[in-house]
Amino acid sequence: MPTPTELIEQYFVLAAQADTEPYFAQFAPDVVVEDDGQTHVGIDAVRAWRRSVPGVSYDVRGVADTSDGSQVVTTEISGDFPGSPVLLGFVFTFDADGRISRLVIAP
């Protein structure tokens, strides 16, 4: 089983690729993603959310563990959007199978 750090590295590699199926395979079927004030529940909602995200590049600046077992990743996001680049926090929670069960993206 990959470590949380390896799963996080994989997330950002797959998030930048044109082939989205490997990206979506990282998520649990009942995943919860919070981004930009909206909550997306389930893989179909995550697919719809992801289609609305502009193409960006990711530069991971740091990873820290939390007391509840999640990992907080500070990431610089650059792309064709107002205010680029921005620093965002990605909080990952993984299930027992190493899939993302919750992802919170916030400033």
PDB file of N, CA and C in Angstrom:
ATOM      1  N   MET A   1       0.853  -1.182   0.000  1.00  0.00           N
ATOM      2  CA  MET A   1       0.000   0.000   0.000  1.00  0.00           C
ATOM      3  C   MET A   1       0.897   1.243   0.000  1.00  0.00           C
ATOM      4  N   PRO A   2       0.637   2.176  -0.893  1.00  0.00           N
ATOM      5  CA  PRO A   2       1.432   3.415  -0.921  1.00  0.00           C
ATOM      6  C   PRO A   2       1.238   4.222   0.367  1.00  0.00           C
ATOM      7  N   THR A   3       2.228   5.010   0.710  1.00  0.00           N
ATOM      8  CA  THR A   3       2.139   5.896   1.868  1.00  0.00           C
ATOM      9  C   THR A   3       1.259   7.099   1.512  1.00  0.00           C
ATOM     10  N   PRO A   4       0.753   7.834   2.518  1.00  0.00           N
ATOM     11  CA  PRO A   4       0.006   9.055   2.204  1.00  0.00           C
ATOM     12  C   PRO A   4       0.810  10.027   1.346  1.00  0.00           C
ATOM     13  N   THR A   5       2.097  10.154   1.606  1.00  0.00           N
ATOM     14  CA  THR A   5       2.928  11.057   0.800  1.00  0.00           C
ATOM     15  C   THR A   5       2.948  10.614  -0.665  1.00  0.00           C
ATOM     16  N   GLU A   6       3.061   9.317  -0.904  1.00  0.00           N
ATOM     17  CA  GLU A   6       3.053   8.808  -2.281  1.00  0.00           C
ATOM     18  C   GLU A   6       1.692   9.029  -2.935  1.00  0.00           C
ATOM     19  N   LEU A   7       0.623   8.848  -2.176  1.00  0.00           N
ATOM     20  CA  LEU A   7      -0.726   9.078  -2.718  1.00  0.00           C
ATOM     21  C   LEU A   7      -0.929  10.547  -3.078  1.00  0.00           C
ATOM     22  N   ILE A   8      -0.399  11.426  -2.258  1.00  0.00           N
ATOM     23  CA  ILE A   8      -0.508  12.868  -2.533  1.00  0.00           C
ATOM     24  C   ILE A   8       0.301  13.235  -3.773  1.00  0.00           C
ATOM     25  N   GLU A   9       1.519  12.720  -3.880  1.00  0.00           N
ATOM     26  CA  GLU A   9       2.328  12.978  -5.079  1.00  0.00           C
ATOM     27  C   GLU A   9       1.593  12.498  -6.321  1.00  0.00           C
ATOM     28  N   GLN A  10       1.012  11.306  -6.231  1.00  0.00           N
ATOM     29  CA  GLN A  10       0.255  10.753  -7.353  1.00  0.00           C
ATOM     30  C   GLN A  10      -0.934  11.649  -7.713  1.00  0.00           C
ATOM     31  N   TYR A  11      -1.630  12.175  -6.710  1.00  0.00           N
ATOM     32  CA  TYR A  11      -2.778  13.053  -6.960  1.00  0.00           C
ATOM     33  C   TYR A  11      -2.371  14.222  -7.851  1.00  0.00           C
ATOM     34  N   PHE A  12      -1.288  14.912  -7.481  1.00  0.00           N
ATOM     35  CA  PHE A  12      -0.901  16.101  -8.237  1.00  0.00           C
ATOM     36  C   PHE A  12      -0.358  15.757  -9.619  1.00  0.00           C
ATOM     37  N   VAL A  13       0.298  14.635  -9.782  1.00  0.00           N
ATOM     38  CA  VAL A  13       0.739  14.200 -11.114  1.00  0.00           C
ATOM     39  C   VAL A  13      -0.481  13.933 -11.989  1.00  0.00           C
ATOM     40  N   LEU A  14      -1.445  13.178 -11.460  1.00  0.00           N
ATOM     41  CA  LEU A  14      -2.628  12.818 -12.256  1.00  0.00           C
ATOM     42  C   LEU A  14      -3.545  14.015 -12.498  1.00  0.00           C
ATOM     43  N   ALA A  15      -3.595  14.948 -11.559  1.00  0.00           N
ATOM     44  CA  ALA A  15      -4.459  16.124 -11.716  1.00  0.00           C
ATOM     45  C   ALA A  15      -4.030  16.985 -12.900  1.00  0.00           C
ATOM     46  N   ALA A  16      -2.760  16.941 -13.254  1.00  0.00           N
ATOM     47  CA  ALA A  16      -2.244  17.772 -14.349  1.00  0.00           C
ATOM     48  C   ALA A  16      -2.303  17.082 -15.708  1.00  0.00           C
ATOM     49  N   GLN A  17      -2.717  15.813 -15.745  1.00  0.00           N
ATOM     50  CA  GLN A  17      -2.723  15.069 -17.004  1.00  0.00           C
ATOM     51  C   GLN A  17      -4.060  15.202 -17.735  1.00  0.00           C
ATOM     52  N   ALA A  18      -4.005  15.048 -19.042  1.00  0.00           N
ATOM     53  CA  ALA A  18      -5.210  15.149 -19.864  1.00  0.00           C
ATOM     54  C   ALA A  18      -6.143  13.950 -19.689  1.00  0.00           C
ATOM     55  N   ASP A  19      -5.583  12.767 -19.448  1.00  0.00           N
ATOM     56  CA  ASP A  19      -6.393  11.553 -19.246  1.00  0.00           C
ATOM     57  C   ASP A  19      -6.948  11.598 -17.824  1.00  0.00           C
ATOM     58  N   THR A  20      -8.261  11.802 -17.692  1.00  0.00           N
ATOM     59  CA  THR A  20      -8.852  12.005 -16.369  1.00  0.00           C
ATOM     60  C   THR A  20      -9.238  10.726 -15.641  1.00  0.00           C
ATOM     61  N   GLU A  21      -9.341   9.599 -16.330  1.00  0.00           N
ATOM     62  CA  GLU A  21      -9.786   8.366 -15.654  1.00  0.00           C
ATOM     63  C   GLU A  21      -8.852   7.934 -14.524  1.00  0.00           C
ATOM     64  N   PRO A  22      -7.530   7.942 -14.705  1.00  0.00           N
ATOM     65  CA  PRO A  22      -6.664   7.614 -13.563  1.00  0.00           C
ATOM     66  C   PRO A  22      -6.840   8.591 -12.398  1.00  0.00           C
ATOM     67  N   TYR A  23      -7.094   9.859 -12.712  1.00  0.00           N
ATOM     68  CA  TYR A  23      -7.336  10.860 -11.666  1.00  0.00           C
ATOM     69  C   TYR A  23      -8.580  10.478 -10.854  1.00  0.00           C
ATOM     70  N   PHE A  24      -9.685  10.181 -11.547  1.00  0.00           N
ATOM     71  CA  PHE A  24     -10.924   9.862 -10.843  1.00  0.00           C
ATOM     72  C   PHE A  24     -10.851   8.535 -10.095  1.00  0.00           C
ATOM     73  N   ALA A  25     -10.006   7.626 -10.539  1.00  0.00           N
ATOM     74  CA  ALA A  25      -9.855   6.334  -9.876  1.00  0.00           C
ATOM     75  C   ALA A  25      -9.257   6.478  -8.473  1.00  0.00           C
ATOM     76  N   GLN A  26      -8.686   7.627  -8.168  1.00  0.00           N
ATOM     77  CA  GLN A  26      -8.104   7.866  -6.843  1.00  0.00           C
ATOM     78  C   GLN A  26      -9.148   8.095  -5.759  1.00  0.00           C
ATOM     79  N   PHE A  27     -10.388   8.388  -6.160  1.00  0.00           N
ATOM     80  CA  PHE A  27     -11.423   8.780  -5.215  1.00  0.00           C
ATOM     81  C   PHE A  27     -12.321   7.612  -4.832  1.00  0.00           C
ATOM     82  N   ALA A  28     -12.733   7.579  -3.567  1.00  0.00           N
ATOM     83  CA  ALA A  28     -13.734   6.618  -3.106  1.00  0.00           C
ATOM     84  C   ALA A  28     -15.078   6.981  -3.747  1.00  0.00           C
ATOM     85  N   PRO A  29     -15.966   6.011  -3.961  1.00  0.00           N
ATOM     86  CA  PRO A  29     -17.265   6.301  -4.590  1.00  0.00           C
ATOM     87  C   PRO A  29     -18.086   7.355  -3.840  1.00  0.00           C
ATOM     88  N   ASP A  30     -17.955   7.400  -2.520  1.00  0.00           N
ATOM     89  CA  ASP A  30     -18.739   8.342  -1.718  1.00  0.00           C
ATOM     90  C   ASP A  30     -17.898   9.536  -1.245  1.00  0.00           C
ATOM     91  N   VAL A  31     -16.874   9.880  -1.996  1.00  0.00           N
ATOM     92  CA  VAL A  31     -15.966  10.965  -1.657  1.00  0.00           C
ATOM     93  C   VAL A  31     -16.724  12.280  -1.434  1.00  0.00           C
ATOM     94  N   VAL A  32     -16.145  13.121  -0.572  1.00  0.00           N
ATOM     95  CA  VAL A  32     -16.639  14.478  -0.352  1.00  0.00           C
ATOM     96  C   VAL A  32     -15.496  15.427  -0.699  1.00  0.00           C
ATOM     97  N   VAL A  33     -15.760  16.352  -1.635  1.00  0.00           N
ATOM     98  CA  VAL A  33     -14.775  17.370  -2.006  1.00  0.00           C
ATOM     99  C   VAL A  33     -15.381  18.732  -1.713  1.00  0.00           C
ATOM    100  N   GLU A  34     -14.627  19.546  -0.964  1.00  0.00           N
ATOM    101  CA  GLU A  34     -15.035  20.918  -0.683  1.00  0.00           C
ATOM    102  C   GLU A  34     -14.045  21.844  -1.375  1.00  0.00           C
ATOM    103  N   ASP A  35     -14.583  22.745  -2.202  1.00  0.00           N
ATOM    104  CA  ASP A  35     -13.732  23.686  -2.928  1.00  0.00           C
ATOM    105  C   ASP A  35     -14.532  24.933  -3.237  1.00  0.00           C
ATOM    106  N   ASP A  36     -13.926  26.081  -3.016  1.00  0.00           N
ATOM    107  CA  ASP A  36     -14.516  27.363  -3.384  1.00  0.00           C
ATOM    108  C   ASP A  36     -15.922  27.532  -2.798  1.00  0.00           C
ATOM    109  N   GLY A  37     -16.105  27.090  -1.545  1.00  0.00           N
ATOM    110  CA  GLY A  37     -17.377  27.261  -0.862  1.00  0.00           C
ATOM    111  C   GLY A  37     -18.465  26.276  -1.249  1.00  0.00           C
ATOM    112  N   GLN A  38     -18.135  25.299  -2.065  1.00  0.00           N
ATOM    113  CA  GLN A  38     -19.130  24.314  -2.487  1.00  0.00           C
ATOM    114  C   GLN A  38     -18.677  22.922  -2.075  1.00  0.00           C
ATOM    115  N   THR A  39     -19.669  22.072  -1.771  1.00  0.00           N
ATOM    116  CA  THR A  39     -19.404  20.689  -1.393  1.00  0.00           C
ATOM    117  C   THR A  39     -19.931  19.773  -2.484  1.00  0.00           C
ATOM    118  N   HIS A  40     -19.102  18.835  -2.904  1.00  0.00           N
ATOM    119  CA  HIS A  40     -19.437  17.880  -3.959  1.00  0.00           C
ATOM    120  C   HIS A  40     -19.361  16.486  -3.343  1.00  0.00           C
ATOM    121  N   VAL A  41     -20.470  15.751  -3.380  1.00  0.00           N
ATOM    122  CA  VAL A  41     -20.544  14.443  -2.730  1.00  0.00           C
ATOM    123  C   VAL A  41     -20.744  13.366  -3.784  1.00  0.00           C
ATOM    124  N   GLY A  42     -19.862  12.377  -3.773  1.00  0.00           N
ATOM    125  CA  GLY A  42     -19.943  11.264  -4.711  1.00  0.00           C
ATOM    126  C   GLY A  42     -19.102  11.504  -5.943  1.00  0.00           C
ATOM    127  N   ILE A  43     -18.708  10.416  -6.582  1.00  0.00           N
ATOM    128  CA  ILE A  43     -17.783  10.505  -7.713  1.00  0.00           C
ATOM    129  C   ILE A  43     -18.393  11.244  -8.901  1.00  0.00           C
ATOM    130  N   ASP A  44     -19.706  11.110  -9.135  1.00  0.00           N
ATOM    131  CA  ASP A  44     -20.318  11.844 -10.249  1.00  0.00           C
ATOM    132  C   ASP A  44     -20.253  13.349 -10.022  1.00  0.00           C
ATOM    133  N   ALA A  45     -20.472  13.787  -8.789  1.00  0.00           N
ATOM    134  CA  ALA A  45     -20.379  15.216  -8.466  1.00  0.00           C
ATOM    135  C   ALA A  45     -18.940  15.706  -8.598  1.00  0.00           C
ATOM    136  N   VAL A  46     -17.987  14.855  -8.228  1.00  0.00           N
ATOM    137  CA  VAL A  46     -16.573  15.224  -8.368  1.00  0.00           C
ATOM    138  C   VAL A  46     -16.200  15.337  -9.841  1.00  0.00           C
ATOM    139  N   ARG A  47     -16.720  14.453 -10.662  1.00  0.00           N
ATOM    140  CA  ARG A  47     -16.465  14.557 -12.109  1.00  0.00           C
ATOM    141  C   ARG A  47     -16.986  15.891 -12.649  1.00  0.00           C
ATOM    142  N   ALA A  48     -18.184  16.278 -12.255  1.00  0.00           N
ATOM    143  CA  ALA A  48     -18.766  17.550 -12.717  1.00  0.00           C
ATOM    144  C   ALA A  48     -17.936  18.731 -12.212  1.00  0.00           C
ATOM    145  N   TRP A  49     -17.522  18.678 -10.945  1.00  0.00           N
ATOM    146  CA  TRP A  49     -16.693  19.739 -10.376  1.00  0.00           C
ATOM    147  C   TRP A  49     -15.397  19.871 -11.154  1.00  0.00           C
ATOM    148  N   ARG A  50     -14.762  18.770 -11.407  1.00  0.00           N
ATOM    149  CA  ARG A  50     -13.449  18.785 -12.060  1.00  0.00           C
ATOM    150  C   ARG A  50     -13.521  19.352 -13.478  1.00  0.00           C
ATOM    151  N   ARG A  51     -14.629  19.099 -14.171  1.00  0.00           N
ATOM    152  CA  ARG A  51     -14.787  19.662 -15.527  1.00  0.00           C
ATOM    153  C   ARG A  51     -14.808  21.185 -15.501  1.00  0.00           C
ATOM    154  N   SER A  52     -15.197  21.782 -14.362  1.00  0.00           N
ATOM    155  CA  SER A  52     -15.277  23.241 -14.281  1.00  0.00           C
ATOM    156  C   SER A  52     -13.968  23.881 -13.821  1.00  0.00           C
ATOM    157  N   VAL A  53     -12.983  23.070 -13.441  1.00  0.00           N
ATOM    158  CA  VAL A  53     -11.698  23.591 -12.968  1.00  0.00           C
ATOM    159  C   VAL A  53     -10.814  23.900 -14.168  1.00  0.00           C
ATOM    160  N   PRO A  54     -10.252  25.133 -14.232  1.00  0.00           N
ATOM    161  CA  PRO A  54      -9.379  25.452 -15.367  1.00  0.00           C
ATOM    162  C   PRO A  54      -8.083  24.647 -15.295  1.00  0.00           C
ATOM    163  N   GLY A  55      -7.418  24.537 -16.430  1.00  0.00           N
ATOM    164  CA  GLY A  55      -6.116  23.877 -16.464  1.00  0.00           C
ATOM    165  C   GLY A  55      -5.116  24.675 -15.639  1.00  0.00           C
ATOM    166  N   VAL A  56      -4.456  24.016 -14.717  1.00  0.00           N
ATOM    167  CA  VAL A  56      -3.509  24.694 -13.842  1.00  0.00           C
ATOM    168  C   VAL A  56      -2.269  23.827 -13.661  1.00  0.00           C
ATOM    169  N   SER A  57      -1.233  24.443 -13.097  1.00  0.00           N
ATOM    170  CA  SER A  57      -0.062  23.677 -12.690  1.00  0.00           C
ATOM    171  C   SER A  57       0.044  23.753 -11.174  1.00  0.00           C
ATOM    172  N   TYR A  58       0.650  22.728 -10.598  1.00  0.00           N
ATOM    173  CA  TYR A  58       0.745  22.593  -9.157  1.00  0.00           C
ATOM    174  C   TYR A  58       2.204  22.556  -8.734  1.00  0.00           C
ATOM    175  N   ASP A  59       2.529  23.298  -7.698  1.00  0.00           N
ATOM    176  CA  ASP A  59       3.860  23.268  -7.108  1.00  0.00           C
ATOM    177  C   ASP A  59       3.683  23.038  -5.607  1.00  0.00           C
ATOM    178  N   VAL A  60       3.894  21.799  -5.176  1.00  0.00           N
ATOM    179  CA  VAL A  60       3.719  21.454  -3.769  1.00  0.00           C
ATOM    180  C   VAL A  60       4.833  22.105  -2.957  1.00  0.00           C
ATOM    181  N   ARG A  61       4.440  22.846  -1.933  1.00  0.00           N
ATOM    182  CA  ARG A  61       5.394  23.571  -1.097  1.00  0.00           C
ATOM    183  C   ARG A  61       5.650  22.881   0.236  1.00  0.00           C
ATOM    184  N   GLY A  62       4.705  22.061   0.708  1.00  0.00           N
ATOM    185  CA  GLY A  62       4.907  21.398   1.985  1.00  0.00           C
ATOM    186  C   GLY A  62       3.772  20.453   2.308  1.00  0.00           C
ATOM    187  N   VAL A  63       4.079  19.437   3.129  1.00  0.00           N
ATOM    188  CA  VAL A  63       3.091  18.447   3.558  1.00  0.00           C
ATOM    189  C   VAL A  63       3.219  18.299   5.068  1.00  0.00           C
ATOM    190  N   ALA A  64       2.081  18.322   5.763  1.00  0.00           N
ATOM    191  CA  ALA A  64       2.082  18.145   7.215  1.00  0.00           C
ATOM    192  C   ALA A  64       0.948  17.208   7.604  1.00  0.00           C
ATOM    193  N   ASP A  65       1.195  16.369   8.592  1.00  0.00           N
ATOM    194  CA  ASP A  65       0.167  15.487   9.126  1.00  0.00           C
ATOM    195  C   ASP A  65      -0.665  16.241  10.156  1.00  0.00           C
ATOM    196  N   THR A  66      -1.947  15.877  10.269  1.00  0.00           N
ATOM    197  CA  THR A  66      -2.808  16.456  11.289  1.00  0.00           C
ATOM    198  C   THR A  66      -3.063  15.417  12.371  1.00  0.00           C
ATOM    199  N   SER A  67      -3.632  15.860  13.467  1.00  0.00           N
ATOM    200  CA  SER A  67      -3.888  14.951  14.585  1.00  0.00           C
ATOM    201  C   SER A  67      -4.977  13.930  14.263  1.00  0.00           C
ATOM    202  N   ASP A  68      -5.818  14.207  13.257  1.00  0.00           N
ATOM    203  CA  ASP A  68      -6.886  13.257  12.909  1.00  0.00           C
ATOM    204  C   ASP A  68      -6.496  12.300  11.791  1.00  0.00           C
ATOM    205  N   GLY A  69      -5.219  12.318  11.387  1.00  0.00           N
ATOM    206  CA  GLY A  69      -4.752  11.391  10.365  1.00  0.00           C
ATOM    207  C   GLY A  69      -4.807  11.923   8.950  1.00  0.00           C
ATOM    208  N   SER A  70      -5.279  13.141   8.767  1.00  0.00           N
ATOM    209  CA  SER A  70      -5.300  13.764   7.442  1.00  0.00           C
ATOM    210  C   SER A  70      -3.929  14.381   7.152  1.00  0.00           C
ATOM    211  N   GLN A  71      -3.726  14.737   5.894  1.00  0.00           N
ATOM    212  CA  GLN A  71      -2.505  15.420   5.495  1.00  0.00           C
ATOM    213  C   GLN A  71      -2.886  16.762   4.884  1.00  0.00           C
ATOM    214  N   VAL A  72      -2.170  17.815   5.286  1.00  0.00           N
ATOM    215  CA  VAL A  72      -2.386  19.158   4.748  1.00  0.00           C
ATOM    216  C   VAL A  72      -1.233  19.463   3.808  1.00  0.00           C
ATOM    217  N   VAL A  73      -1.569  19.812   2.590  1.00  0.00           N
ATOM    218  CA  VAL A  73      -0.566  20.087   1.566  1.00  0.00           C
ATOM    219  C   VAL A  73      -0.699  21.542   1.126  1.00  0.00           C
ATOM    220  N   THR A  74       0.364  22.315   1.300  1.00  0.00           N
ATOM    221  CA  THR A  74       0.390  23.689   0.813  1.00  0.00           C
ATOM    222  C   THR A  74       0.902  23.651  -0.617  1.00  0.00           C
ATOM    223  N   THR A  75       0.097  24.216  -1.526  1.00  0.00           N
ATOM    224  CA  THR A  75       0.389  24.106  -2.950  1.00  0.00           C
ATOM    225  C   THR A  75       0.194  25.448  -3.644  1.00  0.00           C
ATOM    226  N   GLU A  76       1.153  25.811  -4.497  1.00  0.00           N
ATOM    227  CA  GLU A  76       0.980  26.989  -5.341  1.00  0.00           C
ATOM    228  C   GLU A  76       0.303  26.547  -6.627  1.00  0.00           C
ATOM    229  N   ILE A  77      -0.800  27.206  -6.948  1.00  0.00           N
ATOM    230  CA  ILE A  77      -1.580  26.899  -8.149  1.00  0.00           C
ATOM    231  C   ILE A  77      -1.386  28.050  -9.132  1.00  0.00           C
ATOM    232  N   SER A  78      -0.981  27.714 -10.359  1.00  0.00           N
ATOM    233  CA  SER A  78      -0.784  28.721 -11.406  1.00  0.00           C
ATOM    234  C   SER A  78      -1.606  28.334 -12.622  1.00  0.00           C
ATOM    235  N   GLY A  79      -2.181  29.331 -13.259  1.00  0.00           N
ATOM    236  CA  GLY A  79      -2.955  29.065 -14.463  1.00  0.00           C
ATOM    237  C   GLY A  79      -3.576  30.328 -15.001  1.00  0.00           C
ATOM    238  N   ASP A  80      -4.500  30.153 -15.914  1.00  0.00           N
ATOM    239  CA  ASP A  80      -5.174  31.276 -16.550  1.00  0.00           C
ATOM    240  C   ASP A  80      -6.443  31.608 -15.764  1.00  0.00           C
ATOM    241  N   PHE A  81      -6.257  32.236 -14.601  1.00  0.00           N
ATOM    242  CA  PHE A  81      -7.385  32.660 -13.779  1.00  0.00           C
ATOM    243  C   PHE A  81      -6.963  33.903 -12.992  1.00  0.00           C
ATOM    244  N   PRO A  82      -7.919  34.726 -12.601  1.00  0.00           N
ATOM    245  CA  PRO A  82      -7.584  35.953 -11.867  1.00  0.00           C
ATOM    246  C   PRO A  82      -6.851  35.639 -10.564  1.00  0.00           C
ATOM    247  N   GLY A  83      -5.800  36.408 -10.286  1.00  0.00           N
ATOM    248  CA  GLY A  83      -5.053  36.250  -9.053  1.00  0.00           C
ATOM    249  C   GLY A  83      -3.959  35.200  -9.096  1.00  0.00           C
ATOM    250  N   SER A  84      -3.767  34.565 -10.249  1.00  0.00           N
ATOM    251  CA  SER A  84      -2.741  33.524 -10.374  1.00  0.00           C
ATOM    252  C   SER A  84      -1.364  34.140 -10.217  1.00  0.00           C
ATOM    253  N   PRO A  85      -0.478  33.479  -9.492  1.00  0.00           N
ATOM    254  CA  PRO A  85      -0.635  32.216  -8.769  1.00  0.00           C
ATOM    255  C   PRO A  85      -1.209  32.458  -7.371  1.00  0.00           C
ATOM    256  N   VAL A  86      -1.760  31.394  -6.779  1.00  0.00           N
ATOM    257  CA  VAL A  86      -2.292  31.455  -5.418  1.00  0.00           C
ATOM    258  C   VAL A  86      -1.761  30.263  -4.617  1.00  0.00           C
ATOM    259  N   LEU A  87      -1.654  30.459  -3.312  1.00  0.00           N
ATOM    260  CA  LEU A  87      -1.307  29.358  -2.410  1.00  0.00           C
ATOM    261  C   LEU A  87      -2.598  28.812  -1.826  1.00  0.00           C
ATOM    262  N   LEU A  88      -2.787  27.510  -1.942  1.00  0.00           N
ATOM    263  CA  LEU A  88      -3.972  26.860  -1.395  1.00  0.00           C
ATOM    264  C   LEU A  88      -3.553  25.684  -0.533  1.00  0.00           C
ATOM    265  N   GLY A  89      -4.392  25.384   0.433  1.00  0.00           N
ATOM    266  CA  GLY A  89      -4.208  24.194   1.246  1.00  0.00           C
ATOM    267  C   GLY A  89      -5.118  23.090   0.762  1.00  0.00           C
ATOM    268  N   PHE A  90      -4.573  21.914   0.585  1.00  0.00           N
ATOM    269  CA  PHE A  90      -5.335  20.720   0.205  1.00  0.00           C
ATOM    270  C   PHE A  90      -5.280  19.786   1.410  1.00  0.00           C
ATOM    271  N   VAL A  91      -6.433  19.478   1.995  1.00  0.00           N
ATOM    272  CA  VAL A  91      -6.482  18.569   3.135  1.00  0.00           C
ATOM    273  C   VAL A  91      -7.024  17.237   2.631  1.00  0.00           C
ATOM    274  N   PHE A  92      -6.181  16.220   2.657  1.00  0.00           N
ATOM    275  CA  PHE A  92      -6.521  14.887   2.157  1.00  0.00           C
ATOM    276  C   PHE A  92      -6.843  13.949   3.310  1.00  0.00           C
ATOM    277  N   THR A  93      -7.926  13.185   3.149  1.00  0.00           N
ATOM    278  CA  THR A  93      -8.233  12.071   4.037  1.00  0.00           C
ATOM    279  C   THR A  93      -8.382  10.848   3.149  1.00  0.00           C
ATOM    280  N   PHE A  94      -7.676   9.777   3.507  1.00  0.00           N
ATOM    281  CA  PHE A  94      -7.697   8.557   2.713  1.00  0.00           C
ATOM    282  C   PHE A  94      -8.450   7.460   3.453  1.00  0.00           C
ATOM    283  N   ASP A  95      -9.120   6.588   2.685  1.00  0.00           N
ATOM    284  CA  ASP A  95      -9.789   5.437   3.294  1.00  0.00           C
ATOM    285  C   ASP A  95      -8.786   4.295   3.455  1.00  0.00           C
ATOM    286  N   ALA A  96      -9.254   3.178   3.982  1.00  0.00           N
ATOM    287  CA  ALA A  96      -8.370   2.036   4.251  1.00  0.00           C
ATOM    288  C   ALA A  96      -7.749   1.461   2.984  1.00  0.00           C
ATOM    289  N   ASP A  97      -8.365   1.716   1.821  1.00  0.00           N
ATOM    290  CA  ASP A  97      -7.847   1.228   0.548  1.00  0.00           C
ATOM    291  C   ASP A  97      -6.912   2.232  -0.130  1.00  0.00           C
ATOM    292  N   GLY A  98      -6.645   3.359   0.521  1.00  0.00           N
ATOM    293  CA  GLY A  98      -5.760   4.371  -0.052  1.00  0.00           C
ATOM    294  C   GLY A  98      -6.443   5.294  -1.031  1.00  0.00           C
ATOM    295  N   ARG A  99      -7.767   5.262  -1.078  1.00  0.00           N
ATOM    296  CA  ARG A  99      -8.501   6.188  -1.947  1.00  0.00           C
ATOM    297  C   ARG A  99      -8.854   7.454  -1.166  1.00  0.00           C
ATOM    298  N   ILE A 100      -9.009   8.544  -1.874  1.00  0.00           N
ATOM    299  CA  ILE A 100      -9.366   9.815  -1.238  1.00  0.00           C
ATOM    300  C   ILE A 100     -10.839   9.741  -0.829  1.00  0.00           C
ATOM    301  N   SER A 101     -11.076   9.864   0.476  1.00  0.00           N
ATOM    302  CA  SER A 101     -12.454   9.852   0.963  1.00  0.00           C
ATOM    303  C   SER A 101     -12.964  11.269   1.204  1.00  0.00           C
ATOM    304  N   ARG A 102     -12.027  12.201   1.433  1.00  0.00           N
ATOM    305  CA  ARG A 102     -12.386  13.596   1.634  1.00  0.00           C
ATOM    306  C   ARG A 102     -11.216  14.455   1.167  1.00  0.00           C
ATOM    307  N   LEU A 103     -11.572  15.550   0.479  1.00  0.00           N
ATOM    308  CA  LEU A 103     -10.580  16.518   0.030  1.00  0.00           C
ATOM    309  C   LEU A 103     -11.168  17.904   0.251  1.00  0.00           C
ATOM    310  N   VAL A 104     -10.456  18.715   1.026  1.00  0.00           N
ATOM    311  CA  VAL A 104     -10.878  20.090   1.279  1.00  0.00           C
ATOM    312  C   VAL A 104      -9.804  21.002   0.724  1.00  0.00           C
ATOM    313  N   ILE A 105     -10.217  21.926  -0.162  1.00  0.00           N
ATOM    314  CA  ILE A 105      -9.295  22.868  -0.775  1.00  0.00           C
ATOM    315  C   ILE A 105      -9.690  24.259  -0.296  1.00  0.00           C
ATOM    316  N   ALA A 106      -8.739  24.965   0.336  1.00  0.00           N
ATOM    317  CA  ALA A 106      -9.059  26.265   0.907  1.00  0.00           C
ATOM    318  C   ALA A 106      -7.812  27.138   0.924  1.00  0.00           C
ATOM    319  N   PRO A 107      -8.024  28.455   0.951  1.00  0.00           N
ATOM    320  CA  PRO A 107      -6.873  29.377   1.064  1.00  0.00           C
ATOM    321  C   PRO A 107      -6.147  29.214   2.385  1.00  0.00           C
TER     322      PRO A 107
END
